[in-house]
Amino acid sequence: MSGPRQCSSQPQFMTSAGNNNLSNGAGTPLIDTIDVDQIVISEKTSWKNLFSYIGPGFLVSIAYIDPGNFETDLQAGAHYKYELLWIILIASCAALVIQSLAASLGVVTGKHLAEHCRAEYPKVTNFILWILAELAVVACDIPEVIGTAFALNMLFKIPIWCGVLITGLSTLMLLFLQQYGVRKLEFLIAFLVFLIATCFLVELGYSKPNSSEVVRGLFVPEIKGNGATGLAISLLGAMVMPHNLFLHSALVLSRKVPRSVHGIKEACRFYMIESAFALTVAFLINISIISVSGAVCSSDNLNPEDQMNCKDLDLNKASFLLKNVLGNWSSKVFAIALLASGQSSTITGTYAGQYVMQGFLDLRMTPWLRNLLTRSLAIVPSLIVSLIGGSSAAGQLIIIASMILSFELPFALVPLLKFTSSKTKMGQHTNSRFITVLTWVIGSFIMIINIYFLITSFVKLLLHSGMSTVSQVFAGIFGFLGMLIYIAAILYLVFRKNRKCTLPLLKNDSMPGGAVHAEGEGSQLGHLPREDISSMQLPHERPASDLD
C-alpha cells in the first residue's frame, strides 16, 4: 500500500474542456463537454431548482418499503398493535440523516461511496468490502424475489416456485428501461411508490384503526411482551440498508450541479429536502401497514383460523387474513402493492449492484450480464427453498436475508461517517461538530442493536438446532470467534485514519484569486458530468478519438 499523500491546501477544480486527448479509462475524469443525458441544474438560485433534484430520493425510499419491511411491519402490528410505531418514527428520522450524508458525499466530491472506498483502503480491505457489498445486494434481492412471487400467487394463483422463476423476466423490463435514461426511471419509481401508498391508504380507510391509539403509539415509547425487543430491533435494522448508501451517493451524480461553493451547498440542501419528502411517503406507508395489521388482528370478529394467522403472520398469510376480514378486494389491493414494491426494489437493487462493482473494482460489466448475475444469485436460493419448504420456508428466508443486511450495515455506514466527517474528503463542506456527533451516535446505536440482534439470533438458533451438547459447544465457540473477528473488523474501520485526499470539485472561477487546476492524483478523482451515472448504464472504454 502506498504511503499517505499530502493534501493540497486548495480544493480540486474543474476546468472547461480544453483538452480532448483523454481516454475514458479507469480513474480518468469525464470531459465537461461530453453530450450525455444529464440533468443540468441552473446556475441561478431559485426554489424552482428543487424540481430538478427530485428523483434519487424516491429510488432510495424503495428500500424502506420493500417486501422485507412489509413482513416486519405486519408482524409488529399483529403482535403488538400500535405500540411499536414510535420505532418507525425514530428509524425514519435516523435514515434521513444518514441518507443525506450519502447524497452530500456524492455531490461534494463527484465520487460515490464505493469509489471512495477503492481510493482509500488497501487492496485486501477493498476486496473484502466489495464481497460484503455484493452479498448485501443479493440479500436485498431475495425478499424482492419472494415478495413478487407471493404477489403473483395472490393475484393469479401462480405457485410460489413458478413466481420465483417469473421474477427473472423483470430483468428484461429493466433492460428495456435503461435506454430511456435516469429521469424516466425516476418517474416510474415515483409512480410505483405512490401506487403502494394509495393501496395502503385504501386499506387503512377500511380497517379503521383507532386514531388516538395510533398517535399514542407514535409518540409514547413503550416495549411490552415477549419478543417485543427483538421485533423492535428488526424494525430498526430493516430501515437502514447498506446497499442504499452506495446507491444514493451514486444517483446524485446524475445531476450536473453548479460547481461553486454556493451551488454545492444548495444541491446538498435540496437533496435533503427531496429525500425528506420521499422518506416521509415511505414512513406513512410503513405506519399504514402496521396500523392495518394491528386493527385487523385486534378485531373482535376473527375466526380461530385468522387468530392463528395473526400469531405467525407473514406476507402470504396476510393475503388470506385481509380477504377474510375486509373482503376479497382487500387481498387484491395488498397484492398490487406488494407487486409494485417487489418490482421497484428489483430495479434499485440491480443498479446498486452495478455501482458497487464499478466503484470497488472499476469493472464495467455489460448491463444485461450484471442484471442476470444479480438476479440468478437471488433466484437460486429462493427457488430451492420455495420448492422444498413452500411459502412458509420462503417467508423465513426473508428474515434470514434481513439478518444478513444487518450484518453488512457497519461496513458501509462506518466509511460513510468517516468520509463525510473528514476535511480531507469534504473540505469546507464537512459535517459540523453537531452533525458529526449526532451521526456517530445514530450510527453507533444502529450498529450496537444490529450486533445484539445477530448475537441473540445466533444463540436462539443454537439452542433450538437439535444438535448434541458437544456440537452446540463447538458451534458456539466458532460462532463467537467469528463474532469477535466481526467486531474487530468494525473497530478497524472506525479507528483507521483517512489517508487519501479528495477535496471538493469546484470550478476555477468559484474561488477568489483565480486558482488553477490541480495536477497529479487529485485531478483524476471523478470530475462531473458522470456519464455512467446519468445514463444509468456503465459504459465501455472509448478511444480518445471518440471525444473529439
Protein backbone atom coordinates (compact mmCIF):
# COMPACT_ATOMS: atom_id res chain seq x y z
CA MET A 1 0.00 0.00 0.00
CA SER A 2 1.34 3.37 -0.86
CA GLY A 3 2.02 5.83 1.90
CA PRO A 4 -0.30 8.70 2.70
CA ARG A 5 -0.36 11.57 0.25
CA GLN A 6 -0.24 15.16 1.37
CA CYS A 7 -3.35 17.17 0.71
CA SER A 8 -3.15 20.32 -1.29
CA SER A 9 -4.39 23.38 0.54
CA GLN A 10 -6.63 24.20 -2.40
CA PRO A 11 -9.73 22.27 -3.47
CA GLN A 12 -9.76 20.35 -6.71
CA PHE A 13 -11.00 22.44 -9.63
CA MET A 14 -12.94 21.67 -12.76
CA THR A 15 -11.90 23.39 -15.93
CA SER A 16 -13.67 23.80 -19.21
CA ALA A 17 -12.84 21.11 -21.71
CA GLY A 18 -9.80 22.48 -23.37
CA ASN A 19 -8.02 19.16 -23.67
CA ASN A 20 -9.82 16.41 -25.51
CA ASN A 21 -6.97 13.93 -25.58
CA LEU A 22 -8.03 11.94 -22.55
CA SER A 23 -9.46 8.45 -22.70
CA ASN A 24 -12.36 7.42 -20.60
CA GLY A 25 -10.32 4.87 -18.72
CA ALA A 26 -10.19 3.91 -15.09
CA GLY A 27 -9.88 6.92 -12.85
CA THR A 28 -9.92 9.38 -15.75
CA PRO A 29 -12.32 12.32 -15.43
CA LEU A 30 -15.09 12.69 -17.97
CA ILE A 31 -14.82 15.86 -20.04
CA ASP A 32 -17.25 18.66 -19.34
CA THR A 33 -18.42 18.99 -22.95
CA ILE A 34 -19.43 15.37 -23.48
CA ASP A 35 -23.07 15.35 -24.60
CA VAL A 36 -24.80 12.98 -22.21
CA ASP A 37 -28.34 12.53 -20.99
CA GLN A 38 -27.72 14.53 -17.84
CA ILE A 39 -29.98 16.83 -15.86
CA VAL A 40 -28.36 20.25 -15.81
CA ILE A 41 -29.11 22.46 -12.80
CA SER A 42 -29.49 26.19 -13.42
CA GLU A 43 -26.79 28.50 -12.06
CA LYS A 44 -29.49 30.86 -10.77
CA THR A 45 -30.55 30.46 -7.15
CA SER A 46 -34.23 29.55 -7.14
CA TRP A 47 -36.64 27.21 -5.41
CA LYS A 48 -37.60 26.05 -8.90
CA ASN A 49 -34.31 24.17 -8.95
CA LEU A 50 -35.80 21.79 -6.39
CA PHE A 51 -37.83 20.09 -9.12
CA SER A 52 -34.62 19.24 -10.97
CA TYR A 53 -33.33 17.42 -7.89
CA ILE A 54 -36.45 15.32 -7.33
CA GLY A 55 -35.88 11.68 -8.22
CA PRO A 56 -32.97 9.98 -6.41
CA GLY A 57 -34.80 10.12 -3.07
CA PHE A 58 -37.68 8.04 -4.45
CA LEU A 59 -35.30 5.38 -5.78
CA VAL A 60 -33.68 5.24 -2.35
CA SER A 61 -37.03 5.25 -0.47
CA ILE A 62 -37.98 1.96 -2.13
CA ALA A 63 -35.58 0.13 0.21
CA TYR A 64 -37.72 1.32 3.15
CA ILE A 65 -40.91 -0.20 1.73
CA ASP A 66 -39.60 -3.40 0.19
CA PRO A 67 -41.23 -6.81 0.89
CA GLY A 68 -38.86 -7.38 3.82
CA ASN A 69 -40.19 -4.26 5.53
CA PHE A 70 -43.74 -5.33 4.69
CA GLU A 71 -43.31 -8.59 6.59
CA THR A 72 -41.67 -6.97 9.63
CA ASP A 73 -44.40 -4.30 9.76
CA LEU A 74 -47.16 -6.91 9.53
CA GLN A 75 -45.69 -8.87 12.43
CA ALA A 76 -45.26 -5.72 14.55
CA GLY A 77 -48.92 -4.77 14.09
CA ALA A 78 -50.22 -8.30 14.57
CA HIS A 79 -48.33 -8.93 17.83
CA TYR A 80 -48.21 -5.50 19.46
CA LYS A 81 -50.87 -3.49 17.68
CA TYR A 82 -49.66 0.15 17.53
CA GLU A 83 -47.09 0.00 20.35
CA LEU A 84 -44.03 -0.08 18.06
CA LEU A 85 -44.99 2.80 15.76
CA TRP A 86 -42.53 5.08 17.57
CA ILE A 87 -39.72 2.83 16.35
CA ILE A 88 -40.65 3.63 12.75
CA LEU A 89 -40.64 7.36 13.54
CA ILE A 90 -37.16 7.25 15.09
CA ALA A 91 -35.79 4.97 12.37
CA SER A 92 -37.14 7.24 9.62
CA CYS A 93 -35.51 10.32 11.16
CA ALA A 94 -32.21 8.48 11.52
CA ALA A 95 -32.50 7.24 7.93
CA LEU A 96 -32.99 10.79 6.66
CA VAL A 97 -29.82 11.99 8.37
CA ILE A 98 -27.74 9.08 7.07
CA GLN A 99 -29.12 9.22 3.53
CA SER A 100 -28.44 12.97 3.44
CA LEU A 101 -24.79 12.22 4.25
CA ALA A 102 -24.61 9.75 1.36
CA ALA A 103 -26.05 12.36 -1.02
CA SER A 104 -23.67 15.05 0.23
CA LEU A 105 -20.65 12.80 -0.28
CA GLY A 106 -21.50 12.33 -3.95
CA VAL A 107 -22.42 15.99 -4.56
CA VAL A 108 -19.33 17.46 -2.91
CA THR A 109 -16.65 15.10 -4.19
CA GLY A 110 -18.07 13.91 -7.51
CA LYS A 111 -17.42 10.31 -6.46
CA HIS A 112 -19.76 7.82 -4.86
CA LEU A 113 -19.12 5.77 -1.72
CA ALA A 114 -17.75 2.65 -3.41
CA GLU A 115 -15.25 4.75 -5.40
CA HIS A 116 -14.07 6.45 -2.21
CA CYS A 117 -13.57 3.04 -0.58
CA ARG A 118 -11.43 1.91 -3.53
CA ALA A 119 -9.32 5.06 -3.30
CA GLU A 120 -8.94 4.97 0.49
CA TYR A 121 -8.45 1.37 1.59
CA PRO A 122 -5.72 -1.21 0.82
CA LYS A 123 -6.44 -3.82 -1.84
CA VAL A 124 -7.28 -6.63 0.60
CA THR A 125 -9.64 -4.44 2.64
CA ASN A 126 -11.22 -3.08 -0.53
CA PHE A 127 -11.79 -6.60 -1.88
CA ILE A 128 -13.43 -7.75 1.38
CA LEU A 129 -15.66 -4.66 1.42
CA TRP A 130 -16.67 -5.39 -2.18
CA ILE A 131 -17.58 -9.02 -1.36
CA LEU A 132 -19.65 -7.85 1.60
CA ALA A 133 -21.38 -5.18 -0.51
CA GLU A 134 -22.22 -7.72 -3.23
CA LEU A 135 -23.58 -10.09 -0.58
CA ALA A 136 -25.76 -7.25 0.70
CA VAL A 137 -27.15 -6.65 -2.79
CA VAL A 138 -28.04 -10.33 -3.14
CA ALA A 139 -29.57 -10.40 0.37
CA CYS A 140 -31.62 -7.35 -0.61
CA ASP A 141 -32.81 -9.07 -3.80
CA ILE A 142 -34.07 -12.22 -2.05
CA PRO A 143 -37.08 -10.56 -0.31
CA GLU A 144 -37.90 -8.79 -3.57
CA VAL A 145 -37.97 -12.07 -5.49
CA ILE A 146 -40.06 -13.85 -2.85
CA GLY A 147 -42.37 -10.86 -2.36
CA THR A 148 -43.05 -10.66 -6.09
CA ALA A 149 -43.72 -14.42 -6.17
CA PHE A 150 -46.22 -14.06 -3.30
CA ALA A 151 -47.94 -11.19 -5.12
CA LEU A 152 -48.28 -13.24 -8.31
CA ASN A 153 -49.71 -16.09 -6.26
CA MET A 154 -52.31 -13.78 -4.68
CA LEU A 155 -53.32 -12.20 -7.98
CA PHE A 156 -53.15 -15.13 -10.41
CA LYS A 157 -52.86 -18.28 -8.23
CA ILE A 158 -49.40 -18.98 -9.64
CA PRO A 159 -47.36 -21.40 -7.48
CA ILE A 160 -44.63 -19.72 -5.43
CA TRP A 161 -41.78 -21.54 -7.19
CA CYS A 162 -43.18 -20.53 -10.61
CA GLY A 163 -43.48 -16.95 -9.39
CA VAL A 164 -39.81 -17.02 -8.39
CA LEU A 165 -38.87 -18.02 -11.93
CA ILE A 166 -41.15 -15.40 -13.47
CA THR A 167 -39.44 -12.65 -11.46
CA GLY A 168 -36.36 -13.35 -13.56
CA LEU A 169 -38.22 -11.86 -16.53
CA SER A 170 -38.21 -8.48 -14.81
CA THR A 171 -34.58 -8.28 -15.94
CA LEU A 172 -35.91 -7.83 -19.48
CA MET A 173 -38.09 -4.93 -18.33
CA LEU A 174 -35.09 -3.41 -16.60
CA LEU A 175 -33.03 -3.61 -19.78
CA PHE A 176 -35.88 -2.01 -21.69
CA LEU A 177 -35.97 0.92 -19.26
CA GLN A 178 -32.23 1.56 -19.48
CA GLN A 179 -32.43 3.07 -22.93
CA TYR A 180 -34.59 5.94 -21.64
CA GLY A 181 -32.14 7.24 -19.02
CA VAL A 182 -32.41 8.14 -15.37
CA ARG A 183 -35.27 10.65 -15.48
CA LYS A 184 -37.81 8.21 -16.95
CA LEU A 185 -36.76 5.61 -14.41
CA GLU A 186 -37.23 8.08 -11.57
CA PHE A 187 -40.75 8.88 -12.74
CA LEU A 188 -41.59 5.16 -12.90
CA ILE A 189 -40.30 4.52 -9.38
CA ALA A 190 -42.13 7.59 -8.02
CA PHE A 191 -45.34 6.29 -9.64
CA LEU A 192 -44.85 2.87 -8.01
CA VAL A 193 -44.19 4.47 -4.61
CA PHE A 194 -47.41 6.49 -4.82
CA LEU A 195 -49.26 3.36 -6.03
CA ILE A 196 -48.12 1.50 -2.91
CA ALA A 197 -49.13 4.48 -0.76
CA THR A 198 -52.57 4.63 -2.38
CA CYS A 199 -53.17 0.91 -1.85
CA PHE A 200 -52.40 1.06 1.85
CA LEU A 201 -54.30 4.27 2.40
CA VAL A 202 -57.34 2.47 0.95
CA GLU A 203 -56.69 -0.48 3.28
CA LEU A 204 -56.28 1.98 6.16
CA GLY A 205 -59.62 3.62 5.41
CA TYR A 206 -61.50 0.31 5.54
CA SER A 207 -59.70 -1.22 8.52
CA LYS A 208 -60.42 1.93 10.61
CA PRO A 209 -57.69 1.79 13.28
CA ASN A 210 -58.25 3.82 16.45
CA SER A 211 -56.63 7.19 15.68
CA SER A 212 -55.89 8.08 19.31
CA GLU A 213 -54.11 4.74 19.82
CA VAL A 214 -52.11 5.27 16.63
CA VAL A 215 -50.98 8.73 17.78
CA ARG A 216 -50.08 7.33 21.20
CA GLY A 217 -48.06 4.56 19.56
CA LEU A 218 -46.17 7.14 17.50
CA PHE A 219 -45.13 9.43 20.34
CA VAL A 220 -45.15 7.32 23.52
CA PRO A 221 -42.23 4.85 23.53
CA GLU A 222 -43.01 1.50 25.15
CA ILE A 223 -41.94 -2.10 24.67
CA LYS A 224 -44.08 -4.77 26.31
CA GLY A 225 -44.45 -8.50 25.97
CA ASN A 226 -42.15 -11.34 24.99
CA GLY A 227 -40.29 -10.78 21.75
CA ALA A 228 -41.08 -7.06 21.53
CA THR A 229 -37.40 -6.10 21.86
CA GLY A 230 -36.35 -8.45 19.07
CA LEU A 231 -39.10 -7.19 16.79
CA ALA A 232 -38.20 -3.57 17.57
CA ILE A 233 -34.60 -4.32 16.61
CA SER A 234 -35.81 -5.93 13.39
CA LEU A 235 -37.81 -2.80 12.56
CA LEU A 236 -34.78 -0.59 13.14
CA GLY A 237 -32.43 -2.89 11.25
CA ALA A 238 -34.75 -3.08 8.27
CA MET A 239 -34.90 0.70 7.88
CA VAL A 240 -31.24 1.45 7.02
CA MET A 241 -29.75 -0.86 4.40
CA PRO A 242 -26.11 -0.92 3.26
CA HIS A 243 -26.73 -1.03 -0.48
CA ASN A 244 -28.83 2.14 -0.17
CA LEU A 245 -25.81 4.17 0.95
CA PHE A 246 -23.86 3.16 -2.16
CA LEU A 247 -26.89 3.79 -4.36
CA HIS A 248 -27.78 7.26 -3.06
CA SER A 249 -24.21 8.58 -3.27
CA ALA A 250 -24.13 7.48 -6.92
CA LEU A 251 -27.59 8.62 -8.03
CA VAL A 252 -26.96 12.25 -7.08
CA LEU A 253 -24.22 12.33 -9.72
CA SER A 254 -26.91 12.19 -12.42
CA ARG A 255 -27.30 15.96 -11.94
CA LYS A 256 -24.80 18.49 -13.27
CA VAL A 257 -24.61 20.68 -10.17
CA PRO A 258 -23.07 24.19 -10.34
CA ARG A 259 -19.53 23.59 -9.07
CA SER A 260 -19.33 26.64 -6.85
CA VAL A 261 -19.35 26.72 -3.06
CA HIS A 262 -22.89 28.11 -3.08
CA GLY A 263 -24.03 25.69 -5.80
CA ILE A 264 -22.81 22.68 -3.83
CA LYS A 265 -24.47 23.89 -0.63
CA GLU A 266 -27.73 24.45 -2.49
CA ALA A 267 -27.55 20.97 -4.03
CA CYS A 268 -26.98 19.35 -0.62
CA ARG A 269 -29.89 21.31 0.86
CA PHE A 270 -32.29 20.44 -1.98
CA TYR A 271 -31.29 16.77 -1.92
CA MET A 272 -32.05 16.70 1.81
CA ILE A 273 -35.48 18.26 1.19
CA GLU A 274 -36.16 15.84 -1.66
CA SER A 275 -35.06 12.86 0.47
CA ALA A 276 -37.23 14.09 3.36
CA PHE A 277 -40.30 14.17 1.11
CA ALA A 278 -39.66 10.69 -0.33
CA LEU A 279 -38.87 9.15 3.05
CA THR A 280 -41.97 10.78 4.54
CA VAL A 281 -44.07 8.93 1.96
CA ALA A 282 -42.24 5.70 2.86
CA PHE A 283 -42.80 6.46 6.57
CA LEU A 284 -46.56 6.88 6.01
CA ILE A 285 -46.67 3.58 4.12
CA ASN A 286 -44.93 1.74 6.99
CA ILE A 287 -47.25 3.36 9.51
CA SER A 288 -50.25 2.31 7.41
CA ILE A 289 -49.08 -1.31 7.19
CA ILE A 290 -48.60 -1.60 10.95
CA SER A 291 -51.92 0.15 11.63
CA VAL A 292 -53.86 -2.08 9.21
CA SER A 293 -52.26 -5.21 10.67
CA GLY A 294 -52.91 -4.02 14.22
CA ALA A 295 -56.53 -3.12 13.51
CA VAL A 296 -57.31 -6.37 11.69
CA CYS A 297 -55.63 -8.69 14.19
CA SER A 298 -57.22 -6.94 17.19
CA SER A 299 -60.67 -7.21 15.67
CA ASP A 300 -63.33 -8.94 17.80
CA ASN A 301 -64.84 -10.98 14.94
CA LEU A 302 -61.78 -13.07 14.00
CA ASN A 303 -62.40 -16.77 13.49
CA PRO A 304 -59.93 -19.32 15.03
CA GLU A 305 -58.03 -19.71 11.74
CA ASP A 306 -57.47 -15.97 11.41
CA GLN A 307 -56.35 -15.78 15.03
CA MET A 308 -53.71 -18.43 14.29
CA ASN A 309 -52.61 -16.50 11.21
CA CYS A 310 -52.12 -13.37 13.31
CA LYS A 311 -49.82 -15.24 15.71
CA ASP A 312 -47.46 -16.16 12.87
CA LEU A 313 -48.19 -13.55 10.21
CA ASP A 314 -46.18 -13.37 7.01
CA LEU A 315 -46.73 -11.95 3.52
CA ASN A 316 -48.68 -14.95 2.30
CA LYS A 317 -50.94 -15.30 5.35
CA ALA A 318 -51.64 -11.55 5.30
CA SER A 319 -53.45 -12.01 2.00
CA PHE A 320 -55.86 -14.59 3.41
CA LEU A 321 -56.31 -12.60 6.61
CA LEU A 322 -57.26 -9.40 4.77
CA LYS A 323 -59.55 -11.36 2.45
CA ASN A 324 -61.44 -12.92 5.36
CA VAL A 325 -61.74 -9.75 7.44
CA LEU A 326 -62.03 -6.92 4.90
CA GLY A 327 -63.13 -8.76 1.75
CA ASN A 328 -61.61 -10.23 -1.40
CA TRP A 329 -60.81 -6.80 -2.89
CA SER A 330 -58.55 -6.06 0.10
CA SER A 331 -56.39 -9.07 -0.69
CA LYS A 332 -56.02 -7.91 -4.30
CA VAL A 333 -55.08 -4.36 -3.27
CA PHE A 334 -52.43 -5.75 -0.93
CA ALA A 335 -51.09 -7.96 -3.73
CA ILE A 336 -50.85 -5.00 -6.13
CA ALA A 337 -48.88 -3.01 -3.51
CA LEU A 338 -46.61 -5.99 -2.88
CA LEU A 339 -46.00 -6.48 -6.60
CA ALA A 340 -45.17 -2.79 -7.06
CA SER A 341 -42.81 -2.96 -4.08
CA GLY A 342 -41.02 -6.06 -5.34
CA GLN A 343 -40.54 -4.79 -8.89
CA SER A 344 -39.38 -1.31 -7.90
CA SER A 345 -36.98 -2.78 -5.34
CA THR A 346 -35.63 -5.05 -8.06
CA ILE A 347 -34.69 -2.08 -10.22
CA THR A 348 -32.92 -0.12 -7.48
CA GLY A 349 -31.17 -3.21 -6.12
CA THR A 350 -29.74 -4.10 -9.52
CA TYR A 351 -28.38 -0.62 -10.06
CA ALA A 352 -26.88 -0.60 -6.58
CA GLY A 353 -25.04 -3.76 -7.64
CA GLN A 354 -23.77 -2.08 -10.79
CA TYR A 355 -22.39 0.90 -8.88
CA VAL A 356 -20.82 -1.35 -6.24
CA MET A 357 -18.96 -3.35 -8.87
CA GLN A 358 -17.88 -0.27 -10.83
CA GLY A 359 -16.82 1.58 -7.69
CA PHE A 360 -14.86 -1.10 -5.87
CA LEU A 361 -13.29 -2.84 -8.87
CA ASP A 362 -13.52 -0.23 -11.65
CA LEU A 363 -15.14 -3.10 -13.58
CA ARG A 364 -17.82 -2.16 -16.07
CA MET A 365 -19.88 -5.26 -16.81
CA THR A 366 -22.39 -5.37 -19.65
CA PRO A 367 -25.75 -4.35 -18.10
CA TRP A 368 -27.70 -7.47 -19.13
CA LEU A 369 -24.96 -9.72 -17.73
CA ARG A 370 -24.83 -7.79 -14.46
CA ASN A 371 -28.62 -7.99 -14.11
CA LEU A 372 -28.64 -11.71 -14.90
CA LEU A 373 -25.87 -12.41 -12.37
CA THR A 374 -27.53 -10.47 -9.53
CA ARG A 375 -30.93 -11.96 -10.20
CA SER A 376 -29.62 -15.54 -10.52
CA LEU A 377 -27.82 -15.35 -7.17
CA ALA A 378 -31.14 -14.36 -5.55
CA ILE A 379 -33.39 -16.69 -7.53
CA VAL A 380 -31.43 -19.91 -6.89
CA PRO A 381 -31.79 -19.97 -3.06
CA SER A 382 -35.35 -18.62 -3.29
CA LEU A 383 -36.33 -21.33 -5.78
CA ILE A 384 -34.74 -24.15 -3.76
CA VAL A 385 -36.39 -23.02 -0.51
CA SER A 386 -39.82 -22.49 -2.09
CA LEU A 387 -39.70 -25.93 -3.78
CA ILE A 388 -38.66 -27.76 -0.60
CA GLY A 389 -40.40 -25.78 2.12
CA GLY A 390 -43.18 -23.91 0.33
CA SER A 391 -44.41 -20.44 1.20
CA SER A 392 -43.64 -20.77 4.93
CA ALA A 393 -39.95 -21.51 4.31
CA ALA A 394 -39.80 -18.74 1.70
CA GLY A 395 -41.07 -16.33 4.35
CA GLN A 396 -38.32 -17.49 6.74
CA LEU A 397 -35.76 -16.81 4.00
CA ILE A 398 -36.83 -13.15 4.07
CA ILE A 399 -35.94 -13.00 7.77
CA ILE A 400 -32.53 -14.59 7.09
CA ALA A 401 -31.89 -12.04 4.35
CA SER A 402 -32.74 -9.24 6.81
CA MET A 403 -30.20 -10.66 9.26
CA ILE A 404 -27.54 -10.65 6.54
CA LEU A 405 -28.30 -6.99 5.77
CA SER A 406 -27.97 -6.17 9.48
CA PHE A 407 -24.59 -7.91 9.48
CA GLU A 408 -23.45 -5.93 6.44
CA LEU A 409 -24.53 -2.44 7.54
CA PRO A 410 -21.43 -1.32 9.51
CA PHE A 411 -19.17 -1.96 6.52
CA ALA A 412 -20.99 0.70 4.52
CA LEU A 413 -22.06 3.01 7.35
CA VAL A 414 -18.66 3.44 9.04
CA PRO A 415 -16.82 4.50 5.84
CA LEU A 416 -19.66 6.93 5.05
CA LEU A 417 -19.45 8.55 8.51
CA LYS A 418 -15.66 8.69 8.33
CA PHE A 419 -15.55 10.23 4.85
CA THR A 420 -18.24 12.87 5.43
CA SER A 421 -16.60 13.92 8.72
CA SER A 422 -13.18 14.33 7.10
CA LYS A 423 -11.90 17.68 5.83
CA THR A 424 -9.52 15.83 3.50
CA LYS A 425 -12.59 14.45 1.72
CA MET A 426 -15.21 17.17 2.05
CA GLY A 427 -13.22 20.38 2.55
CA GLN A 428 -15.38 23.17 3.97
CA HIS A 429 -18.49 21.03 3.31
CA THR A 430 -17.54 18.57 6.06
CA ASN A 431 -20.12 17.78 8.72
CA SER A 432 -20.46 20.30 11.53
CA ARG A 433 -19.44 19.15 15.00
CA PHE A 434 -23.10 18.73 15.95
CA ILE A 435 -23.89 16.63 12.86
CA THR A 436 -20.71 14.60 13.36
CA VAL A 437 -21.64 13.76 16.96
CA LEU A 438 -25.27 13.11 16.03
CA THR A 439 -24.44 10.80 13.12
CA TRP A 440 -21.88 8.82 15.11
CA VAL A 441 -24.38 8.41 17.95
CA ILE A 442 -27.04 7.25 15.46
CA GLY A 443 -24.57 5.01 13.63
CA SER A 444 -23.22 3.51 16.87
CA PHE A 445 -26.74 2.87 18.14
CA ILE A 446 -27.77 1.14 14.91
CA MET A 447 -24.60 -0.97 14.86
CA ILE A 448 -24.97 -1.95 18.54
CA ILE A 449 -28.59 -3.08 18.12
CA ASN A 450 -27.68 -4.98 14.97
CA ILE A 451 -24.82 -6.77 16.75
CA TYR A 452 -27.19 -7.53 19.64
CA PHE A 453 -29.76 -8.85 17.16
CA LEU A 454 -27.16 -11.09 15.49
CA ILE A 455 -25.88 -12.48 18.80
CA THR A 456 -29.33 -13.20 20.22
CA SER A 457 -30.50 -14.73 16.94
CA PHE A 458 -27.41 -16.97 16.84
CA VAL A 459 -27.99 -18.11 20.44
CA LYS A 460 -31.65 -18.92 19.73
CA LEU A 461 -30.67 -20.80 16.57
CA LEU A 462 -28.08 -22.75 18.53
CA LEU A 463 -30.45 -23.66 21.36
CA HIS A 464 -33.22 -24.82 19.03
CA SER A 465 -30.99 -26.54 16.46
CA GLY A 466 -31.47 -30.04 17.89
CA MET A 467 -27.70 -30.67 17.90
CA SER A 468 -25.94 -32.62 20.63
CA THR A 469 -24.39 -30.74 23.55
CA VAL A 470 -20.86 -31.24 22.23
CA SER A 471 -21.84 -29.98 18.79
CA GLN A 472 -23.54 -26.96 20.32
CA VAL A 473 -20.39 -26.14 22.33
CA PHE A 474 -18.14 -26.31 19.25
CA ALA A 475 -20.62 -24.38 17.13
CA GLY A 476 -20.86 -21.76 19.88
CA ILE A 477 -17.07 -21.42 20.09
CA PHE A 478 -16.69 -20.96 16.34
CA GLY A 479 -19.71 -18.66 16.21
CA PHE A 480 -18.48 -16.31 18.90
CA LEU A 481 -14.95 -16.40 17.48
CA GLY A 482 -16.45 -15.22 14.21
CA MET A 483 -18.34 -12.52 16.12
CA LEU A 484 -15.07 -11.29 17.67
CA ILE A 485 -13.49 -11.09 14.22
CA TYR A 486 -16.55 -9.22 13.01
CA ILE A 487 -16.34 -6.66 15.82
CA ALA A 488 -12.57 -6.29 15.30
CA ALA A 489 -13.17 -5.54 11.60
CA ILE A 490 -15.67 -2.81 12.51
CA LEU A 491 -13.22 -1.28 15.01
CA TYR A 492 -10.51 -1.30 12.31
CA LEU A 493 -12.72 0.79 10.03
CA VAL A 494 -13.68 3.11 12.90
CA PHE A 495 -10.17 3.89 14.12
CA ARG A 496 -8.22 3.77 10.85
CA LYS A 497 -7.23 7.29 9.79
CA ASN A 498 -8.16 8.50 6.31
CA ARG A 499 -5.02 8.65 4.19
CA LYS A 500 -6.23 9.81 0.79
CA CYS A 501 -7.11 13.39 -0.07
CA THR A 502 -10.11 14.02 -2.35
CA LEU A 503 -11.17 17.59 -1.75
CA PRO A 504 -14.38 19.04 -3.28
CA LEU A 505 -14.61 19.64 -7.01
CA LEU A 506 -15.01 23.36 -7.77
CA LYS A 507 -14.84 25.50 -10.88
CA ASN A 508 -11.74 27.65 -11.12
CA ASP A 509 -13.85 30.81 -11.11
CA SER A 510 -15.58 29.97 -7.85
CA MET A 511 -12.60 30.87 -5.69
CA PRO A 512 -11.01 34.30 -5.33
CA GLY A 513 -7.66 34.82 -6.95
CA GLY A 514 -8.31 32.66 -9.98
CA ALA A 515 -6.75 29.46 -8.70
CA VAL A 516 -5.53 27.00 -11.30
CA HIS A 517 -6.49 23.39 -11.87
CA ALA A 518 -4.76 20.96 -9.52
CA GLU A 519 -2.48 18.44 -11.17
CA GLY A 520 -1.49 14.90 -10.23
CA GLU A 521 -3.50 12.20 -8.49
CA GLY A 522 -6.01 14.64 -7.06
CA SER A 523 -7.07 15.76 -10.52
CA GLN A 524 -8.06 12.24 -11.52
CA LEU A 525 -10.74 11.71 -8.91
CA GLY A 526 -14.08 11.87 -10.61
CA HIS A 527 -14.99 15.12 -12.36
CA LEU A 528 -18.57 15.77 -13.34
CA PRO A 529 -20.51 15.13 -15.50
CA ARG A 530 -20.73 11.42 -14.75
CA GLU A 531 -21.93 9.74 -17.93
CA ASP A 532 -22.06 6.31 -16.31
CA ILE A 533 -24.47 7.59 -13.65
CA SER A 534 -26.65 9.88 -15.75
CA SER A 535 -27.38 7.22 -18.37
CA MET A 536 -27.89 4.58 -15.65
CA GLN A 537 -25.57 2.29 -17.60
CA LEU A 538 -21.91 1.51 -17.22
CA PRO A 539 -20.14 2.44 -20.49
CA HIS A 540 -17.25 0.60 -22.00
CA GLU A 541 -13.94 2.35 -22.50
CA ARG A 542 -13.81 4.56 -25.57
CA PRO A 543 -10.79 5.62 -27.59
CA ALA A 544 -9.63 9.22 -27.33
CA SER A 545 -10.76 9.85 -30.89
CA ASP A 546 -14.39 9.41 -29.82
CA LEU A 547 -14.12 12.51 -27.68
CA ASP A 548 -13.02 14.85 -30.49
